[in-house]
């Protein structure tokens, strides 16, 4: 299931047809996801890297963004600052147009 369909289905279950609230929640998801990736990009402390990756994984899971969740899970197990992991996360964010 694509991110768009997953997020629509997840949120529609809770919100019904409240499009304004749906838009607000999508914006909050996008801002939070970007923030976690920024933290990953900026950190040099292993524990902070793992925390940010796991928070991103949880956020992605709660919105049904499976590919982002998997990429964040890989990030949590990777070396702090791994450029390949960061590139994969950026690719996932771009693929979701967030």
N, C-alpha and C. Protein backbone atom coordinates (compact mmCIF):
# COMPACT_ATOMS: atom_id res chain seq x y z
N UNK A 1 0.85 -1.17 0.00
CA UNK A 1 0.00 0.00 0.00
C UNK A 1 0.89 1.23 0.00
N UNK A 2 0.57 2.20 -0.83
CA UNK A 2 1.37 3.42 -0.89
C UNK A 2 1.18 4.23 0.38
N UNK A 3 2.12 5.11 0.61
CA UNK A 3 2.04 5.99 1.78
C UNK A 3 0.74 6.77 1.77
N UNK A 4 0.41 7.36 0.65
CA UNK A 4 -0.80 8.17 0.57
C UNK A 4 -2.03 7.38 0.95
N UNK A 5 -2.17 6.17 0.43
CA UNK A 5 -3.33 5.35 0.75
C UNK A 5 -3.31 4.90 2.20
N UNK A 6 -2.12 4.56 2.70
CA UNK A 6 -2.01 4.10 4.08
C UNK A 6 -2.37 5.21 5.06
N UNK A 7 -1.84 6.40 4.81
CA UNK A 7 -2.13 7.51 5.72
C UNK A 7 -3.59 7.90 5.63
N UNK A 8 -4.13 7.90 4.43
CA UNK A 8 -5.55 8.23 4.25
C UNK A 8 -6.42 7.23 5.00
N UNK A 9 -6.12 5.95 4.86
CA UNK A 9 -6.92 4.91 5.52
C UNK A 9 -6.80 5.01 7.03
N UNK A 10 -5.57 5.19 7.52
CA UNK A 10 -5.36 5.27 8.96
C UNK A 10 -6.09 6.46 9.56
N UNK A 11 -5.93 7.60 8.93
CA UNK A 11 -6.53 8.81 9.48
C UNK A 11 -8.04 8.86 9.25
N UNK A 12 -8.51 8.34 8.14
CA UNK A 12 -9.94 8.35 7.87
C UNK A 12 -10.70 7.52 8.90
N UNK A 13 -10.06 6.47 9.39
CA UNK A 13 -10.69 5.64 10.40
C UNK A 13 -10.97 6.46 11.66
N UNK A 14 -10.06 7.34 11.99
CA UNK A 14 -10.19 8.15 13.20
C UNK A 14 -10.95 9.44 12.95
N UNK A 15 -10.67 10.09 11.82
CA UNK A 15 -11.18 11.44 11.59
C UNK A 15 -12.43 11.52 10.74
N UNK A 16 -12.74 10.46 10.05
CA UNK A 16 -13.87 10.54 9.13
C UNK A 16 -13.55 11.47 7.97
N UNK A 17 -14.43 12.41 7.71
CA UNK A 17 -14.27 13.30 6.56
C UNK A 17 -13.74 14.69 6.93
N UNK A 18 -13.07 14.82 8.05
CA UNK A 18 -12.55 16.12 8.48
C UNK A 18 -11.25 16.41 7.73
N UNK A 19 -11.38 16.99 6.54
CA UNK A 19 -10.22 17.23 5.67
C UNK A 19 -9.25 18.26 6.24
N UNK A 20 -9.75 19.23 6.98
CA UNK A 20 -8.88 20.23 7.57
C UNK A 20 -7.96 19.60 8.62
N UNK A 21 -8.54 18.77 9.45
CA UNK A 21 -7.75 18.10 10.47
C UNK A 21 -6.79 17.10 9.84
N UNK A 22 -7.23 16.41 8.80
CA UNK A 22 -6.36 15.49 8.07
C UNK A 22 -5.14 16.22 7.52
N UNK A 23 -5.38 17.37 6.93
CA UNK A 23 -4.28 18.17 6.38
C UNK A 23 -3.32 18.62 7.48
N UNK A 24 -3.88 19.02 8.62
CA UNK A 24 -3.05 19.46 9.74
C UNK A 24 -2.19 18.31 10.27
N UNK A 25 -2.77 17.13 10.39
CA UNK A 25 -2.01 15.98 10.88
C UNK A 25 -0.93 15.55 9.88
N UNK A 26 -1.24 15.63 8.61
CA UNK A 26 -0.23 15.30 7.60
C UNK A 26 0.94 16.26 7.68
N UNK A 27 0.62 17.54 7.90
CA UNK A 27 1.68 18.54 8.06
C UNK A 27 2.53 18.27 9.29
N UNK A 28 1.88 17.88 10.38
CA UNK A 28 2.61 17.57 11.60
C UNK A 28 3.50 16.34 11.39
N UNK A 29 2.98 15.35 10.68
CA UNK A 29 3.79 14.17 10.36
C UNK A 29 5.02 14.58 9.56
N UNK A 30 4.81 15.38 8.53
CA UNK A 30 5.92 15.81 7.67
C UNK A 30 6.96 16.58 8.46
N UNK A 31 6.52 17.51 9.28
CA UNK A 31 7.46 18.32 10.07
C UNK A 31 8.23 17.45 11.05
N UNK A 32 7.56 16.53 11.69
CA UNK A 32 8.22 15.66 12.64
C UNK A 32 9.22 14.73 11.95
N UNK A 33 8.82 14.15 10.83
CA UNK A 33 9.72 13.26 10.08
C UNK A 33 10.97 14.02 9.64
N UNK A 34 10.77 15.22 9.11
CA UNK A 34 11.92 16.03 8.70
C UNK A 34 12.82 16.34 9.89
N UNK A 35 12.20 16.65 11.04
CA UNK A 35 12.98 16.96 12.23
C UNK A 35 13.84 15.80 12.69
N UNK A 36 13.28 14.60 12.64
CA UNK A 36 14.06 13.42 13.04
C UNK A 36 15.22 13.19 12.08
N UNK A 37 14.99 13.38 10.80
CA UNK A 37 16.08 13.21 9.83
C UNK A 37 17.14 14.30 10.03
N UNK A 38 16.73 15.51 10.32
CA UNK A 38 17.69 16.58 10.61
C UNK A 38 18.54 16.22 11.84
N UNK A 39 17.90 15.68 12.86
CA UNK A 39 18.64 15.26 14.05
C UNK A 39 19.66 14.19 13.68
N UNK A 40 19.24 13.25 12.86
CA UNK A 40 20.17 12.21 12.41
C UNK A 40 21.34 12.82 11.64
N UNK A 41 21.04 13.78 10.80
CA UNK A 41 22.08 14.39 9.99
C UNK A 41 23.08 15.17 10.86
N UNK A 42 22.60 15.75 11.95
CA UNK A 42 23.44 16.64 12.75
C UNK A 42 24.15 15.98 13.93
N UNK A 43 23.70 14.80 14.33
CA UNK A 43 24.24 14.20 15.55
C UNK A 43 25.55 13.45 15.32
N UNK A 44 26.36 13.45 16.35
CA UNK A 44 27.60 12.67 16.34
C UNK A 44 27.62 11.71 17.53
N UNK A 45 26.55 11.69 18.29
CA UNK A 45 26.45 10.84 19.48
C UNK A 45 25.60 9.62 19.12
N UNK A 46 26.16 8.46 19.32
CA UNK A 46 25.51 7.21 18.91
C UNK A 46 24.12 7.07 19.53
N UNK A 47 24.00 7.34 20.80
CA UNK A 47 22.70 7.19 21.47
C UNK A 47 21.66 8.14 20.89
N UNK A 48 22.06 9.36 20.55
CA UNK A 48 21.14 10.32 19.94
C UNK A 48 20.71 9.86 18.55
N UNK A 49 21.67 9.28 17.81
CA UNK A 49 21.38 8.74 16.48
C UNK A 49 20.33 7.63 16.58
N UNK A 50 20.55 6.70 17.50
CA UNK A 50 19.62 5.59 17.66
C UNK A 50 18.25 6.07 18.12
N UNK A 51 18.23 7.01 19.06
CA UNK A 51 16.95 7.55 19.54
C UNK A 51 16.16 8.21 18.42
N UNK A 52 16.83 9.03 17.63
CA UNK A 52 16.15 9.72 16.53
C UNK A 52 15.64 8.72 15.50
N UNK A 53 16.45 7.71 15.20
CA UNK A 53 16.04 6.70 14.22
C UNK A 53 14.83 5.92 14.72
N UNK A 54 14.83 5.55 15.99
CA UNK A 54 13.71 4.79 16.54
C UNK A 54 12.45 5.65 16.66
N UNK A 55 12.62 6.92 16.95
CA UNK A 55 11.45 7.82 16.98
C UNK A 55 10.86 7.97 15.59
N UNK A 56 11.73 8.09 14.59
CA UNK A 56 11.25 8.18 13.21
C UNK A 56 10.56 6.88 12.81
N UNK A 57 11.10 5.76 13.22
CA UNK A 57 10.49 4.47 12.92
C UNK A 57 9.09 4.39 13.53
N UNK A 58 8.95 4.80 14.77
CA UNK A 58 7.65 4.78 15.43
C UNK A 58 6.66 5.73 14.78
N UNK A 59 7.12 6.91 14.42
CA UNK A 59 6.26 7.88 13.74
C UNK A 59 5.78 7.30 12.42
N UNK A 60 6.70 6.75 11.65
CA UNK A 60 6.34 6.17 10.35
C UNK A 60 5.36 5.02 10.53
N UNK A 61 5.57 4.19 11.54
CA UNK A 61 4.67 3.06 11.79
C UNK A 61 3.27 3.55 12.15
N UNK A 62 3.18 4.60 12.92
CA UNK A 62 1.87 5.09 13.34
C UNK A 62 1.07 5.68 12.20
N UNK A 63 1.75 6.05 11.12
CA UNK A 63 1.06 6.60 9.95
C UNK A 63 1.03 5.62 8.79
N UNK A 64 1.50 4.42 8.99
CA UNK A 64 1.46 3.41 7.93
C UNK A 64 2.47 3.62 6.82
N UNK A 65 3.52 4.36 7.10
CA UNK A 65 4.57 4.62 6.10
C UNK A 65 5.63 3.52 6.22
N UNK A 66 5.32 2.37 5.67
CA UNK A 66 6.11 1.16 5.87
C UNK A 66 7.55 1.29 5.38
N UNK A 67 7.75 1.82 4.20
CA UNK A 67 9.11 1.92 3.67
C UNK A 67 9.97 2.87 4.51
N UNK A 68 9.39 3.97 4.96
CA UNK A 68 10.11 4.90 5.83
C UNK A 68 10.41 4.22 7.17
N UNK A 69 9.45 3.46 7.69
CA UNK A 69 9.64 2.73 8.93
C UNK A 69 10.81 1.75 8.81
N UNK A 70 10.87 1.04 7.71
CA UNK A 70 11.96 0.07 7.50
C UNK A 70 13.31 0.78 7.36
N UNK A 71 13.33 1.89 6.64
CA UNK A 71 14.58 2.64 6.49
C UNK A 71 15.04 3.18 7.84
N UNK A 72 14.12 3.64 8.66
CA UNK A 72 14.47 4.14 9.98
C UNK A 72 14.97 3.00 10.87
N UNK A 73 14.38 1.83 10.74
CA UNK A 73 14.86 0.67 11.49
C UNK A 73 16.29 0.31 11.11
N UNK A 74 16.58 0.38 9.82
CA UNK A 74 17.96 0.13 9.38
C UNK A 74 18.89 1.20 9.93
N UNK A 75 18.42 2.43 9.99
CA UNK A 75 19.23 3.53 10.52
C UNK A 75 19.59 3.28 11.98
N UNK A 76 18.63 2.79 12.75
CA UNK A 76 18.88 2.55 14.17
C UNK A 76 19.98 1.52 14.40
N UNK A 77 20.17 0.64 13.43
CA UNK A 77 21.18 -0.41 13.56
C UNK A 77 22.49 -0.05 12.87
N UNK A 78 22.53 1.10 12.21
CA UNK A 78 23.72 1.46 11.43
C UNK A 78 24.64 2.37 12.24
N UNK A 79 25.77 2.65 11.64
CA UNK A 79 26.74 3.53 12.26
C UNK A 79 26.23 4.97 12.25
N UNK A 80 26.52 5.67 13.31
CA UNK A 80 26.12 7.07 13.44
C UNK A 80 26.67 7.88 12.27
N UNK A 81 25.80 8.60 11.59
CA UNK A 81 26.22 9.46 10.48
C UNK A 81 26.41 8.75 9.16
N UNK A 82 26.01 7.51 9.04
CA UNK A 82 26.19 6.76 7.80
C UNK A 82 25.53 7.50 6.64
N UNK A 83 26.31 7.97 5.67
CA UNK A 83 25.74 8.75 4.57
C UNK A 83 24.77 7.95 3.69
N UNK A 84 24.99 6.64 3.58
CA UNK A 84 24.07 5.82 2.79
C UNK A 84 22.70 5.73 3.46
N UNK A 85 22.70 5.62 4.76
CA UNK A 85 21.44 5.57 5.51
C UNK A 85 20.71 6.89 5.40
N UNK A 86 21.44 7.98 5.56
CA UNK A 86 20.83 9.30 5.43
C UNK A 86 20.25 9.50 4.03
N UNK A 87 20.96 9.05 3.03
CA UNK A 87 20.47 9.16 1.65
C UNK A 87 19.19 8.35 1.46
N UNK A 88 19.15 7.16 2.05
CA UNK A 88 17.95 6.32 1.94
C UNK A 88 16.76 6.98 2.63
N UNK A 89 16.98 7.58 3.78
CA UNK A 89 15.89 8.28 4.47
C UNK A 89 15.40 9.48 3.66
N UNK A 90 16.33 10.21 3.10
CA UNK A 90 15.96 11.36 2.27
C UNK A 90 15.15 10.90 1.05
N UNK A 91 15.55 9.78 0.47
CA UNK A 91 14.83 9.22 -0.67
C UNK A 91 13.40 8.87 -0.26
N UNK A 92 13.24 8.25 0.89
CA UNK A 92 11.90 7.90 1.37
C UNK A 92 11.06 9.14 1.61
N UNK A 93 11.64 10.15 2.22
CA UNK A 93 10.90 11.39 2.45
C UNK A 93 10.47 12.02 1.13
N UNK A 94 11.37 12.03 0.16
CA UNK A 94 11.05 12.61 -1.15
C UNK A 94 9.98 11.79 -1.87
N UNK A 95 10.05 10.47 -1.70
CA UNK A 95 9.06 9.62 -2.36
C UNK A 95 7.66 9.87 -1.83
N UNK A 96 7.58 10.29 -0.58
CA UNK A 96 6.29 10.57 0.02
C UNK A 96 5.85 12.00 -0.19
N UNK A 97 6.72 12.78 -0.82
CA UNK A 97 6.41 14.18 -1.11
C UNK A 97 6.04 14.93 0.15
N UNK A 98 6.89 14.74 1.19
CA UNK A 98 6.65 15.45 2.44
C UNK A 98 7.79 16.34 2.78
